[in-house]
């Protein structure tokens, strides 16, 4: 997806001949195989300027001894783009998650791993499985052949990824897992190395694989934003057209104008508005299980991303007072509800639901017409708090549109709701507030890291910072506690810690003041004379970084963000210049 966007953005700056070439290339990634064409019949047509959802399926066709096996879908991910709120959210499904799978091709419905839907029923079966599980309408389906993944990444010039610990397996003990040989630290990976990393699950579970995949997607976006080259476009386009297929809902076909619109959304995305969502409370190891409530909660976070989550979480972790609410309380918002879809009782249902949420509601009867598609929430810009209240209410209708009233129109209430055809009797839960409660940092004095750093200080060649505290269950990894290495033209050092739960976090130091990973902090804070960039996954602090003397330093949380926000901050604030020989 990011590669298609890259090509389109580049083509926009090129001559007409190149733009024609892109048009022809986009035509080649339209649904052309029968399985994807079949899946298109299950898709919902996208509505202009409204949130859209794509399902991405990454599959492989086994080579060598396993070549007789059916293809498998190792990646199943929903991606939602909201042009109004300027936010993109991702929801991944672990391939080993056991779910109900509808029947197909003579196959009766059964319960199995979610990736079996692709094995037995192809893209259409996977799409139906995810739709039945989430009840989310899907507008696009994107299939990616992993055999082309390596070429795509290599033609882009590789990708920079932060690797949490040493990954190694050569099957010398007779095992039959995918081979991998990666050291810890922020580094440049080839396509083959990146594929090995995102698909790894030899010594952990599918939960970690999902996070690695989502981290890879973010790294690709950073790579495209900072390191793409126009000269690479032809090779990238050819690789995409051979390995990517895109199905479109509503009997429509993929076109450059639509894709270019998504490209502009991605490039203009504010910091923190690219959100990863995980299904919580998953149990099991080889086979995973999650309650329907856990899945529903994840879907709600996916459909209603809270773009203020990083700011609220930062305030809580730092003990700062939150900013004043951006909108009035529902009890202070009088609302008039009109029927704009012609469905008997629609306005009554909306009014009753809003009343249950605490709004002061009056039913105003019918609107001027019955062909409103999305629900509209009208407000007077001159009224204090009205716009914020309208946006909050738009969230409750899912695809509701907050709009100022036409000139000359007078409202008798703060808001006027015109119920559209997409309202089916229920309001959404709205963004859930997952701001963690402030807690003391779980740290203890670090007595060993400084000695490890001194052992590589002369080779590093730039100022190193030693941690004075560490997470209190952690110790330096016995496999690769410290690593001094090169990242292109830059010197780098990595400290790796292992928690009591056998998860890894680290401290990265590099004489590079603009590494791609530091693009777009969620929140900026100045603490005791040092400027920090805070990088959140929703309300969880995944990375905290600072720059000094032309070098960059950051603390990276575990893959599942097990370290608390306060612990991450304490470790970062405790980094001090290394002293002594």
Protein backbone atom coordinates (compact mmCIF):
# COMPACT_ATOMS: atom_id res chain seq x y z
CA UNK A 1 0.00 0.00 0.00
CA UNK A 2 2.76 2.46 0.96
CA UNK A 3 4.69 1.56 -2.20
CA UNK A 4 1.70 2.34 -4.41
CA UNK A 5 1.40 5.68 -2.61
CA UNK A 6 5.11 6.36 -3.13
CA UNK A 7 4.82 5.79 -6.86
CA UNK A 8 1.78 8.01 -7.17
CA UNK A 9 3.32 10.89 -5.24
CA UNK A 10 6.45 10.70 -7.37
CA UNK A 11 4.46 10.47 -10.58
CA UNK A 12 2.58 13.63 -9.67
CA UNK A 13 5.81 15.57 -10.10
CA UNK A 14 6.76 13.97 -13.41
CA UNK A 15 5.92 14.63 -17.04
CA UNK A 16 2.71 13.49 -18.71
CA UNK A 17 4.38 10.43 -20.20
CA UNK A 18 5.28 9.14 -16.74
CA UNK A 19 1.76 9.84 -15.51
CA UNK A 20 0.38 7.77 -18.40
CA UNK A 21 2.77 4.99 -17.40
CA UNK A 22 1.38 5.11 -13.85
CA UNK A 23 -2.19 4.95 -15.17
CA UNK A 24 -1.33 1.81 -17.10
CA UNK A 25 0.40 0.32 -14.06
CA UNK A 26 -2.59 0.98 -11.81
CA UNK A 27 -4.75 -0.83 -14.34
CA UNK A 28 -2.50 -3.87 -13.97
CA UNK A 29 -3.06 -4.15 -10.20
CA UNK A 30 -6.84 -4.12 -10.54
CA UNK A 31 -8.55 -7.38 -9.69
CA UNK A 32 -7.72 -9.78 -12.53
CA UNK A 33 -7.56 -13.26 -10.98
CA UNK A 34 -10.83 -15.08 -10.38
CA UNK A 35 -10.35 -15.47 -6.58
CA UNK A 36 -9.95 -11.69 -6.10
CA UNK A 37 -12.79 -10.97 -8.52
CA UNK A 38 -14.97 -13.28 -6.43
CA UNK A 39 -13.94 -11.40 -3.29
CA UNK A 40 -14.95 -8.08 -4.89
CA UNK A 41 -18.59 -9.18 -4.73
CA UNK A 42 -18.36 -9.11 -0.91
CA UNK A 43 -17.06 -5.52 -0.78
CA UNK A 44 -19.02 -2.36 -0.02
CA UNK A 45 -18.71 0.68 -2.27
CA UNK A 46 -16.58 3.48 -0.83
CA UNK A 47 -18.22 6.88 -0.39
CA UNK A 48 -16.24 9.99 -1.40
CA UNK A 49 -14.67 11.90 1.51
CA UNK A 50 -15.81 9.25 4.01
CA UNK A 51 -13.74 6.77 6.04
CA UNK A 52 -12.82 3.69 4.04
CA UNK A 53 -11.55 0.28 5.09
CA UNK A 54 -9.18 -2.00 3.19
CA UNK A 55 -8.35 -5.58 4.06
CA UNK A 56 -4.73 -6.50 3.31
CA UNK A 57 -3.85 -10.17 2.85
CA UNK A 58 -0.21 -11.19 2.67
CA UNK A 59 0.13 -14.73 1.35
CA UNK A 60 2.88 -17.06 0.24
CA UNK A 61 3.29 -19.90 -2.20
CA UNK A 62 5.71 -22.33 -0.63
CA UNK A 63 8.87 -23.25 -2.49
CA UNK A 64 11.06 -26.37 -2.24
CA UNK A 65 9.87 -29.36 -0.16
CA UNK A 66 6.65 -27.57 0.82
CA UNK A 67 5.73 -26.51 -2.72
CA UNK A 68 2.81 -28.93 -2.84
CA UNK A 69 1.10 -27.17 0.07
CA UNK A 70 -1.64 -24.62 -0.47
CA UNK A 71 -0.92 -20.93 -0.10
CA UNK A 72 -1.30 -19.50 3.38
CA UNK A 73 -2.21 -16.02 4.57
CA UNK A 74 0.41 -15.00 7.12
CA UNK A 75 -0.87 -11.43 7.28
CA UNK A 76 -4.50 -10.35 7.68
CA UNK A 77 -4.87 -6.68 8.46
CA UNK A 78 -7.63 -4.06 8.28
CA UNK A 79 -6.51 -0.52 7.43
CA UNK A 80 -8.91 2.40 7.89
CA UNK A 81 -8.35 5.86 6.42
CA UNK A 82 -10.41 8.79 7.72
CA UNK A 83 -9.87 11.89 5.54
CA UNK A 84 -11.95 14.14 7.79
CA UNK A 85 -10.06 13.43 11.01
CA UNK A 86 -6.80 12.78 9.15
CA UNK A 87 -6.10 9.48 10.88
CA UNK A 88 -5.15 6.00 9.72
CA UNK A 89 -5.67 2.99 11.99
CA UNK A 90 -4.58 -0.63 11.61
CA UNK A 91 -6.07 -3.77 13.16
CA UNK A 92 -4.18 -7.03 12.68
CA UNK A 93 -5.42 -10.56 13.27
CA UNK A 94 -2.90 -13.16 14.49
CA UNK A 95 -2.83 -15.97 11.95
CA UNK A 96 -3.26 -18.56 14.74
CA UNK A 97 -6.39 -16.92 16.18
CA UNK A 98 -9.16 -19.56 16.22
CA UNK A 99 -12.40 -18.16 14.77
CA UNK A 100 -15.58 -19.37 13.03
CA UNK A 101 -14.95 -19.78 9.29
CA UNK A 102 -17.90 -19.82 6.86
CA UNK A 103 -18.18 -22.67 4.39
CA UNK A 104 -17.15 -22.51 0.76
CA UNK A 105 -16.59 -24.77 -2.25
CA UNK A 106 -18.39 -27.68 -0.61
CA UNK A 107 -16.56 -27.06 2.68
CA UNK A 108 -18.95 -26.87 5.63
CA UNK A 109 -18.52 -24.05 8.15
CA UNK A 110 -15.92 -24.88 10.76
CA UNK A 111 -13.83 -23.40 13.56
CA UNK A 112 -10.11 -23.03 12.84
CA UNK A 113 -7.12 -20.73 12.64
CA UNK A 114 -8.04 -17.57 10.78
CA UNK A 115 -5.38 -18.17 8.12
CA UNK A 116 -7.13 -21.43 7.17
CA UNK A 117 -9.89 -19.33 5.63
CA UNK A 118 -7.45 -18.42 2.87
CA UNK A 119 -6.13 -21.97 2.51
CA UNK A 120 -9.57 -23.47 1.95
CA UNK A 121 -11.61 -20.53 0.67
CA UNK A 122 -9.16 -18.00 -0.79
CA UNK A 123 -9.48 -14.20 -0.48
CA UNK A 124 -13.29 -14.32 -0.48
CA UNK A 125 -13.34 -16.74 2.43
CA UNK A 126 -10.88 -14.60 4.40
CA UNK A 127 -12.95 -11.49 3.72
CA UNK A 128 -16.19 -13.18 4.81
CA UNK A 129 -14.50 -14.51 7.94
CA UNK A 130 -13.25 -11.07 8.98
CA UNK A 131 -16.55 -9.37 8.17
CA UNK A 132 -18.51 -11.95 10.20
CA UNK A 133 -16.07 -11.54 13.07
CA UNK A 134 -15.97 -7.74 13.15
CA UNK A 135 -19.17 -6.61 11.37
CA UNK A 136 -17.05 -3.96 9.64
CA UNK A 137 -17.93 -3.14 5.99
CA UNK A 138 -14.83 -3.44 3.79
CA UNK A 139 -14.32 -1.29 0.68
CA UNK A 140 -11.06 -2.64 -0.74
CA UNK A 141 -9.17 -5.92 -0.70
CA UNK A 142 -5.41 -5.90 -1.31
CA UNK A 143 -3.52 -9.16 -1.80
CA UNK A 144 0.28 -9.22 -1.66
CA UNK A 145 2.41 -12.20 -2.65
CA UNK A 146 5.28 -12.53 -0.18
CA UNK A 147 7.49 -13.91 -2.95
CA UNK A 148 7.47 -10.38 -4.37
CA UNK A 149 7.93 -8.76 -0.96
CA UNK A 150 11.70 -9.19 -1.06
CA UNK A 151 12.04 -7.59 -4.50
CA UNK A 152 9.76 -4.69 -3.56
CA UNK A 153 11.75 -3.82 -0.43
CA UNK A 154 15.08 -4.20 -2.24
CA UNK A 155 14.00 -1.97 -5.11
CA UNK A 156 12.97 0.66 -2.58
CA UNK A 157 16.50 0.49 -1.20
CA UNK A 158 15.79 -1.58 1.91
CA UNK A 159 14.18 -0.40 5.13
CA UNK A 160 15.42 0.82 8.52
CA UNK A 161 14.02 -1.17 11.46
CA UNK A 162 14.67 -1.30 15.19
CA UNK A 163 15.35 -4.97 16.04
CA UNK A 164 14.68 -5.68 19.71
CA UNK A 165 17.13 -8.57 20.27
CA UNK A 166 19.30 -11.19 18.59
CA UNK A 167 17.37 -13.41 16.16
CA UNK A 168 19.14 -16.56 14.94
CA UNK A 169 18.13 -19.92 13.58
CA UNK A 170 19.97 -22.07 11.01
CA UNK A 171 18.09 -25.36 11.62
CA UNK A 172 21.40 -27.03 12.54
CA UNK A 173 19.56 -28.97 15.27
CA UNK A 174 17.22 -30.57 12.76
CA UNK A 175 14.34 -28.10 13.14
CA UNK A 176 12.40 -26.83 10.14
CA UNK A 177 11.82 -23.17 10.89
CA UNK A 178 12.57 -20.23 8.62
CA UNK A 179 16.24 -19.28 8.78
CA UNK A 180 17.15 -15.93 10.29
CA UNK A 181 20.35 -14.18 11.35
CA UNK A 182 19.80 -10.67 12.71
CA UNK A 183 21.63 -8.78 15.43
CA UNK A 184 19.96 -6.29 17.76
CA UNK A 185 19.66 -2.58 17.15
CA UNK A 186 18.44 -0.02 14.67
CA UNK A 187 19.69 -1.07 11.27
CA UNK A 188 19.19 -1.21 7.53
CA UNK A 189 17.56 -4.45 6.33
CA UNK A 190 17.34 -5.95 2.87
CA UNK A 191 14.07 -7.39 1.61
CA UNK A 192 15.06 -10.91 2.65
CA UNK A 193 16.07 -9.80 6.13
CA UNK A 194 12.89 -7.74 6.58
CA UNK A 195 10.72 -10.70 5.53
CA UNK A 196 12.52 -12.99 7.97
CA UNK A 197 11.97 -10.47 10.76
CA UNK A 198 8.27 -9.76 10.22
CA UNK A 199 7.42 -13.45 9.85
CA UNK A 200 9.52 -14.77 12.74
CA UNK A 201 7.73 -16.73 15.48
CA UNK A 202 10.17 -19.49 16.36
CA UNK A 203 10.75 -18.52 20.01
CA UNK A 204 7.67 -16.36 20.60
CA UNK A 205 4.02 -16.36 19.51
CA UNK A 206 1.91 -14.86 16.78
CA UNK A 207 1.13 -11.87 19.03
CA UNK A 208 4.70 -10.65 18.54
CA UNK A 209 4.62 -11.34 14.82
CA UNK A 210 1.58 -9.05 14.47
CA UNK A 211 3.43 -6.19 16.21
CA UNK A 212 6.54 -6.74 14.07
CA UNK A 213 4.37 -6.54 10.94
CA UNK A 214 2.75 -3.29 12.03
CA UNK A 215 6.14 -1.85 12.97
CA UNK A 216 7.37 -2.76 9.51
CA UNK A 217 4.47 -0.88 7.89
CA UNK A 218 5.35 2.25 9.88
CA UNK A 219 9.02 1.85 8.96
CA UNK A 220 8.10 1.59 5.29
CA UNK A 221 6.16 4.84 5.53
CA UNK A 222 9.19 6.52 7.14
CA UNK A 223 11.49 5.10 4.48
CA UNK A 224 9.28 6.29 1.64
CA UNK A 225 8.97 9.76 3.14
CA UNK A 226 12.71 10.27 3.46
CA UNK A 227 14.63 8.00 1.09
CA UNK A 228 12.68 7.33 -2.10
CA UNK A 229 14.20 8.08 -5.49
CA UNK A 230 12.44 8.78 -8.78
CA UNK A 231 14.92 6.53 -10.55
CA UNK A 232 13.60 3.54 -8.62
CA UNK A 233 10.01 4.00 -9.83
CA UNK A 234 10.06 1.72 -12.91
CA UNK A 235 11.47 -1.26 -11.02
CA UNK A 236 9.12 -0.73 -8.09
CA UNK A 237 6.08 -0.42 -10.36
CA UNK A 238 6.94 -3.60 -12.24
CA UNK A 239 7.37 -5.54 -9.01
CA UNK A 240 4.10 -4.21 -7.59
CA UNK A 241 2.08 -5.08 -10.68
CA UNK A 242 3.42 -8.63 -10.61
CA UNK A 243 2.68 -9.25 -6.93
CA UNK A 244 -0.14 -6.95 -5.79
CA UNK A 245 -3.82 -7.12 -6.67
CA UNK A 246 -6.51 -4.66 -5.53
CA UNK A 247 -10.24 -5.34 -5.53
CA UNK A 248 -12.73 -2.47 -5.26
CA UNK A 249 -16.28 -2.55 -3.90
CA UNK A 250 -19.47 -1.43 -5.59
CA UNK A 251 -18.57 -2.62 -9.08
CA UNK A 252 -16.02 0.17 -9.42
CA UNK A 253 -12.45 -0.07 -10.71
CA UNK A 254 -9.25 1.20 -9.20
CA UNK A 255 -8.22 4.60 -10.55
CA UNK A 256 -5.26 6.91 -10.11
CA UNK A 257 -7.34 9.82 -8.82
CA UNK A 258 -8.66 7.80 -5.89
CA UNK A 259 -5.23 6.42 -5.00
CA UNK A 260 -3.68 9.86 -5.27
CA UNK A 261 -6.23 11.15 -2.76
CA UNK A 262 -5.14 8.50 -0.26
CA UNK A 263 -1.51 9.36 -1.01
CA UNK A 264 -2.11 13.00 -0.08
CA UNK A 265 -3.82 11.89 3.15
CA UNK A 266 -0.83 9.77 4.15
CA UNK A 267 1.73 12.44 3.37
CA UNK A 268 -0.21 15.09 5.29
CA UNK A 269 -0.87 12.85 8.29
CA UNK A 270 -0.26 14.70 11.60
CA UNK A 271 2.09 13.19 14.17
CA UNK A 272 0.38 10.53 16.25
CA UNK A 273 -2.45 10.00 13.76
CA UNK A 274 -1.10 6.67 12.53
CA UNK A 275 -2.47 4.23 15.09
CA UNK A 276 -1.90 0.53 15.71
CA UNK A 277 -4.67 -1.48 17.37
CA UNK A 278 -4.18 -4.91 18.92
CA UNK A 279 -6.76 -7.38 20.19
CA UNK A 280 -6.26 -7.57 23.95
CA UNK A 281 -6.51 -10.51 26.38
CA UNK A 282 -5.53 -13.15 23.82
CA UNK A 283 -4.69 -16.51 25.38
CA UNK A 284 -2.89 -19.60 24.11
CA UNK A 285 0.35 -20.23 22.22
CA UNK A 286 0.12 -22.46 19.14
CA UNK A 287 -3.61 -21.79 18.92
CA UNK A 288 -4.84 -18.42 20.15
CA UNK A 289 -8.23 -17.49 21.55
CA UNK A 290 -9.96 -14.19 22.22
CA UNK A 291 -13.45 -13.45 23.51
CA UNK A 292 -15.92 -11.71 21.24
CA UNK A 293 -15.89 -8.82 23.71
CA UNK A 294 -12.12 -8.39 23.24
CA UNK A 295 -12.58 -8.40 19.48
CA UNK A 296 -15.47 -5.93 19.70
CA UNK A 297 -13.38 -3.61 21.90
CA UNK A 298 -10.52 -3.71 19.38
CA UNK A 299 -12.94 -3.00 16.52
CA UNK A 300 -14.32 0.01 18.40
CA UNK A 301 -10.80 1.39 18.89
CA UNK A 302 -10.12 0.73 15.20
CA UNK A 303 -13.27 2.53 14.05
CA UNK A 304 -13.01 5.33 16.62
CA UNK A 305 -9.30 6.10 17.07
CA UNK A 306 -8.61 8.55 19.85
CA UNK A 307 -6.13 10.99 18.34
CA UNK A 308 -5.78 12.72 21.71
CA UNK A 309 -4.62 9.51 23.46
CA UNK A 310 -0.86 10.32 23.28
CA UNK A 311 -1.32 13.81 24.74
CA UNK A 312 -3.54 12.54 27.56
CA UNK A 313 -1.18 9.66 28.33
CA UNK A 314 1.83 12.01 28.36
CA UNK A 315 0.06 14.32 30.79
CA UNK A 316 -0.79 11.40 33.08
CA UNK A 317 2.74 9.97 33.02
CA UNK A 318 4.35 13.35 33.72
CA UNK A 319 1.83 14.25 36.42
CA UNK A 320 0.64 17.26 34.46
CA UNK A 321 -2.85 18.63 34.52
CA UNK A 322 -4.77 17.75 31.35
CA UNK A 323 -5.87 20.52 29.09
CA UNK A 324 -9.45 21.68 29.43
CA UNK A 325 -12.00 19.63 27.55
CA UNK A 326 -12.35 20.78 23.95
CA UNK A 327 -16.11 20.51 24.02
CA UNK A 328 -19.02 20.99 26.44
CA UNK A 329 -20.59 18.14 28.39
CA UNK A 330 -23.54 16.40 26.70
CA UNK A 331 -25.84 17.74 29.43
CA UNK A 332 -24.97 21.27 28.28
CA UNK A 333 -25.75 20.57 24.60
CA UNK A 334 -29.37 21.01 23.41
CA UNK A 335 -30.01 19.12 20.16
CA UNK A 336 -32.77 19.14 17.55
CA UNK A 337 -33.11 15.85 15.60
CA UNK A 338 -34.66 15.69 12.11
CA UNK A 339 -35.47 12.70 9.89
CA UNK A 340 -33.44 12.96 6.71
CA UNK A 341 -33.65 9.37 5.46
CA UNK A 342 -37.39 8.75 5.24
CA UNK A 343 -37.28 5.68 7.51
CA UNK A 344 -40.20 5.79 9.94
CA UNK A 345 -39.00 6.27 13.49
CA UNK A 346 -35.37 6.98 12.55
CA UNK A 347 -35.35 10.41 14.20
CA UNK A 348 -37.07 9.00 17.30
CA UNK A 349 -34.44 6.27 17.63
CA UNK A 350 -31.60 8.75 17.23
CA UNK A 351 -33.19 11.14 19.72
CA UNK A 352 -33.67 8.38 22.28
CA UNK A 353 -30.08 7.18 21.88
CA UNK A 354 -28.71 10.70 22.27
CA UNK A 355 -30.86 11.22 25.37
CA UNK A 356 -29.33 8.08 26.87
CA UNK A 357 -25.91 9.68 26.35
CA UNK A 358 -27.03 12.72 28.34
CA UNK A 359 -27.93 15.18 25.56
CA UNK A 360 -30.95 17.51 25.82
CA UNK A 361 -32.93 16.38 22.77
CA UNK A 362 -36.04 17.56 20.96
CA UNK A 363 -37.51 15.81 17.91
CA UNK A 364 -38.06 18.38 15.20
CA UNK A 365 -39.87 16.13 12.71
CA UNK A 366 -38.78 15.76 9.09
CA UNK A 367 -35.89 17.43 7.31
CA UNK A 368 -36.27 19.30 4.02
CA UNK A 369 -35.68 16.04 2.08
CA UNK A 370 -35.24 12.31 2.64
CA UNK A 371 -32.13 11.60 0.58
CA UNK A 372 -29.42 12.46 3.11
CA UNK A 373 -26.83 9.68 3.01
CA UNK A 374 -24.52 10.44 5.96
CA UNK A 375 -25.90 11.97 9.12
CA UNK A 376 -25.15 15.69 9.35
CA UNK A 377 -24.57 17.61 12.56
CA UNK A 378 -25.04 21.34 11.98
CA UNK A 379 -23.67 24.01 14.30
CA UNK A 380 -23.37 27.79 14.47
CA UNK A 381 -19.64 28.74 14.39
CA UNK A 382 -20.43 31.85 16.41
CA UNK A 383 -21.56 29.81 19.41
CA UNK A 384 -18.74 28.94 21.81
CA UNK A 385 -18.10 25.19 21.97
CA UNK A 386 -20.60 24.34 19.24
CA UNK A 387 -18.05 23.10 16.71
CA UNK A 388 -16.33 20.86 19.25
CA UNK A 389 -19.70 19.52 20.40
CA UNK A 390 -20.65 18.77 16.79
CA UNK A 391 -17.43 16.84 16.19
CA UNK A 392 -17.97 14.81 19.35
CA UNK A 393 -21.47 13.94 18.22
CA UNK A 394 -20.26 13.05 14.72
CA UNK A 395 -18.11 10.35 16.34
CA UNK A 396 -21.24 8.80 17.85
CA UNK A 397 -22.79 8.38 14.40
CA UNK A 398 -19.60 6.83 13.02
CA UNK A 399 -19.65 8.56 9.65
CA UNK A 400 -21.50 11.66 10.82
CA UNK A 401 -20.41 14.99 9.31
CA UNK A 402 -20.01 18.11 11.44
CA UNK A 403 -20.84 21.17 9.30
CA UNK A 404 -21.53 24.85 9.94
CA UNK A 405 -25.08 25.94 9.18
CA UNK A 406 -25.63 27.65 5.83
CA UNK A 407 -25.44 31.45 5.96
CA UNK A 408 -28.68 32.98 7.16
CA UNK A 409 -29.89 29.80 8.89
CA UNK A 410 -30.79 30.15 12.55
CA UNK A 411 -30.70 27.23 15.01
CA UNK A 412 -33.03 27.04 18.00
CA UNK A 413 -30.63 24.62 19.68
CA UNK A 414 -26.84 24.38 19.83
CA UNK A 415 -26.86 21.51 17.31
CA UNK A 416 -29.20 20.21 14.61
CA UNK A 417 -28.91 16.54 13.64
CA UNK A 418 -30.24 15.39 10.26
CA UNK A 419 -30.38 11.59 10.40
CA UNK A 420 -29.02 10.01 7.21
CA UNK A 421 -29.40 6.65 5.50
CA UNK A 422 -26.27 5.20 7.15
CA UNK A 423 -27.91 5.39 10.59
CA UNK A 424 -29.37 2.00 11.46
CA UNK A 425 -30.67 2.62 14.94
CA UNK A 426 -27.48 2.45 16.99
CA UNK A 427 -24.81 4.93 17.95
CA UNK A 428 -21.17 3.88 18.15
CA UNK A 429 -19.40 3.57 21.45
CA UNK A 430 -17.14 6.46 20.43
CA UNK A 431 -13.42 6.62 21.23
CA UNK A 432 -12.68 4.83 24.50
CA UNK A 433 -10.52 6.66 27.02
CA UNK A 434 -7.66 4.28 27.79
CA UNK A 435 -5.44 6.80 29.54
CA UNK A 436 -3.47 4.84 32.15
CA UNK A 437 -3.51 5.99 35.74
CA UNK A 438 -0.31 7.62 36.94
CA UNK A 439 1.94 5.18 38.79
CA UNK A 440 5.48 5.27 40.20
CA UNK A 441 8.16 4.16 37.72
CA UNK A 442 9.20 0.52 38.20
CA UNK A 443 12.96 1.10 38.14
CA UNK A 444 16.07 0.25 40.08
CA UNK A 445 19.66 1.48 39.89
CA UNK A 446 21.64 0.20 36.89
CA UNK A 447 25.12 -0.81 38.06
CA UNK A 448 26.39 -2.70 35.02
CA UNK A 449 25.53 -0.83 31.81
CA UNK A 450 28.26 1.80 32.18
CA UNK A 451 30.98 -0.87 32.17
CA UNK A 452 29.51 -2.42 29.02
CA UNK A 453 29.49 0.96 27.29
CA UNK A 454 33.07 1.71 28.29
CA UNK A 455 34.15 -1.50 26.53
CA UNK A 456 32.98 -0.06 23.19
CA UNK A 457 33.51 3.64 23.81
CA UNK A 458 36.71 3.99 21.78
CA UNK A 459 35.23 2.25 18.75
CA UNK A 460 31.96 4.19 18.92
CA UNK A 461 33.68 7.51 18.35
CA UNK A 462 30.83 9.69 19.61
CA UNK A 463 29.53 10.63 23.09
CA UNK A 464 27.74 7.72 24.78
CA UNK A 465 25.09 8.01 27.47
CA UNK A 466 24.82 5.48 30.28
CA UNK A 467 21.52 4.56 31.95
CA UNK A 468 21.43 5.20 35.68
CA UNK A 469 18.24 3.14 36.14
CA UNK A 470 16.63 0.11 34.48
CA UNK A 471 13.25 -1.59 34.70
CA UNK A 472 13.34 -3.47 37.99
CA UNK A 473 12.79 -7.01 36.65
CA UNK A 474 15.27 -6.59 33.80
CA UNK A 475 18.92 -7.42 33.32
CA UNK A 476 21.27 -7.03 30.39
CA UNK A 477 20.79 -9.79 27.83
CA UNK A 478 23.18 -12.71 28.18
CA UNK A 479 23.20 -13.21 24.40
CA UNK A 480 24.06 -9.71 23.18
CA UNK A 481 24.14 -7.19 26.06
CA UNK A 482 25.93 -4.46 24.10
CA UNK A 483 26.64 -4.11 20.41
CA UNK A 484 28.86 -1.57 18.64
CA UNK A 485 28.29 -1.49 14.87
CA UNK A 486 27.82 0.64 11.78
CA UNK A 487 24.59 1.81 10.12
CA UNK A 488 25.75 2.99 6.73
CA UNK A 489 28.05 5.92 7.45
CA UNK A 490 27.02 6.13 11.10
CA UNK A 491 28.42 4.58 14.26
CA UNK A 492 25.87 2.99 16.58
CA UNK A 493 25.64 1.26 19.96
CA UNK A 494 22.81 -0.84 21.35
CA UNK A 495 22.13 -2.02 24.90
CA UNK A 496 19.68 -4.94 25.14
CA UNK A 497 17.73 -5.79 28.30
CA UNK A 498 15.61 -8.86 29.00
CA UNK A 499 12.65 -8.70 31.40
CA UNK A 500 11.57 -11.38 33.83
CA UNK A 501 8.90 -12.26 31.27
CA UNK A 502 11.53 -12.93 28.57
CA UNK A 503 10.72 -9.81 26.57
CA UNK A 504 13.30 -7.34 25.32
CA UNK A 505 13.71 -3.58 25.47
CA UNK A 506 16.72 -1.49 24.59
CA UNK A 507 18.66 1.74 24.51
CA UNK A 508 19.88 2.91 21.10
CA UNK A 509 22.64 5.47 20.51
CA UNK A 510 23.73 6.58 17.03
CA UNK A 511 25.73 9.49 15.58
CA UNK A 512 22.90 10.35 13.19
CA UNK A 513 20.69 13.31 14.00
CA UNK A 514 17.92 12.48 11.50
CA UNK A 515 17.30 8.71 11.40
CA UNK A 516 13.95 7.92 9.74
CA UNK A 517 12.58 6.30 12.90
CA UNK A 518 12.46 9.70 14.63
CA UNK A 519 10.15 11.19 12.01
CA UNK A 520 6.91 12.43 13.54
CA UNK A 521 6.87 12.22 17.35
CA UNK A 522 3.40 11.93 18.86
CA UNK A 523 4.18 14.47 21.61
CA UNK A 524 7.09 16.85 22.31
CA UNK A 525 8.13 17.68 25.86
CA UNK A 526 10.99 19.67 27.43
CA UNK A 527 12.00 18.09 30.73
CA UNK A 528 14.82 19.49 32.88
CA UNK A 529 16.52 21.21 29.97
CA UNK A 530 16.30 18.30 27.52
CA UNK A 531 13.87 18.10 24.58
CA UNK A 532 12.20 14.72 24.21
CA UNK A 533 10.13 13.21 21.44
CA UNK A 534 7.51 10.79 22.76
CA UNK A 535 6.28 8.12 20.34
CA UNK A 536 3.04 6.46 21.39
CA UNK A 537 1.05 3.45 20.27
CA UNK A 538 -2.34 4.78 21.39
CA UNK A 539 -1.90 5.51 25.13
CA UNK A 540 1.27 3.38 25.47
CA UNK A 541 4.69 4.99 25.19
CA UNK A 542 6.64 2.86 22.70
CA UNK A 543 9.74 5.02 22.32
CA UNK A 544 11.21 8.18 23.83
CA UNK A 545 14.09 9.98 22.11
CA UNK A 546 16.32 13.03 22.28
CA UNK A 547 19.12 14.52 20.18
CA UNK A 548 22.36 16.09 21.43
CA UNK A 549 25.59 17.08 19.69
CA UNK A 550 24.53 15.69 16.31
CA UNK A 551 23.67 12.24 17.71
CA UNK A 552 20.36 10.56 18.57
CA UNK A 553 19.46 8.52 21.65
CA UNK A 554 16.29 6.60 22.39
CA UNK A 555 14.72 4.07 24.74
CA UNK A 556 12.64 1.41 22.95
CA UNK A 557 9.88 -0.44 24.81
CA UNK A 558 9.23 -4.16 24.39
CA UNK A 559 7.28 -5.25 21.33
CA UNK A 560 4.09 -5.45 23.42
CA UNK A 561 4.89 -2.24 25.39
CA UNK A 562 5.18 -4.02 28.74
CA UNK A 563 7.13 -1.16 30.37
CA UNK A 564 4.87 1.50 31.85
CA UNK A 565 4.94 5.05 30.50
CA UNK A 566 6.44 6.29 33.77
CA UNK A 567 9.16 3.61 33.64
CA UNK A 568 10.09 4.58 30.08
CA UNK A 569 10.33 8.23 31.06
CA UNK A 570 12.45 7.47 34.11
CA UNK A 571 14.93 5.44 32.05
CA UNK A 572 15.22 8.17 29.40
CA UNK A 573 15.62 10.95 31.95
CA UNK A 574 18.26 8.82 33.70
CA UNK A 575 20.56 8.69 30.66
CA UNK A 576 23.74 10.58 31.56
CA UNK A 577 27.01 11.19 29.68
CA UNK A 578 29.35 8.24 30.14
CA UNK A 579 32.24 9.08 32.49
CA UNK A 580 35.58 7.38 33.16
CA UNK A 581 37.84 5.14 31.11
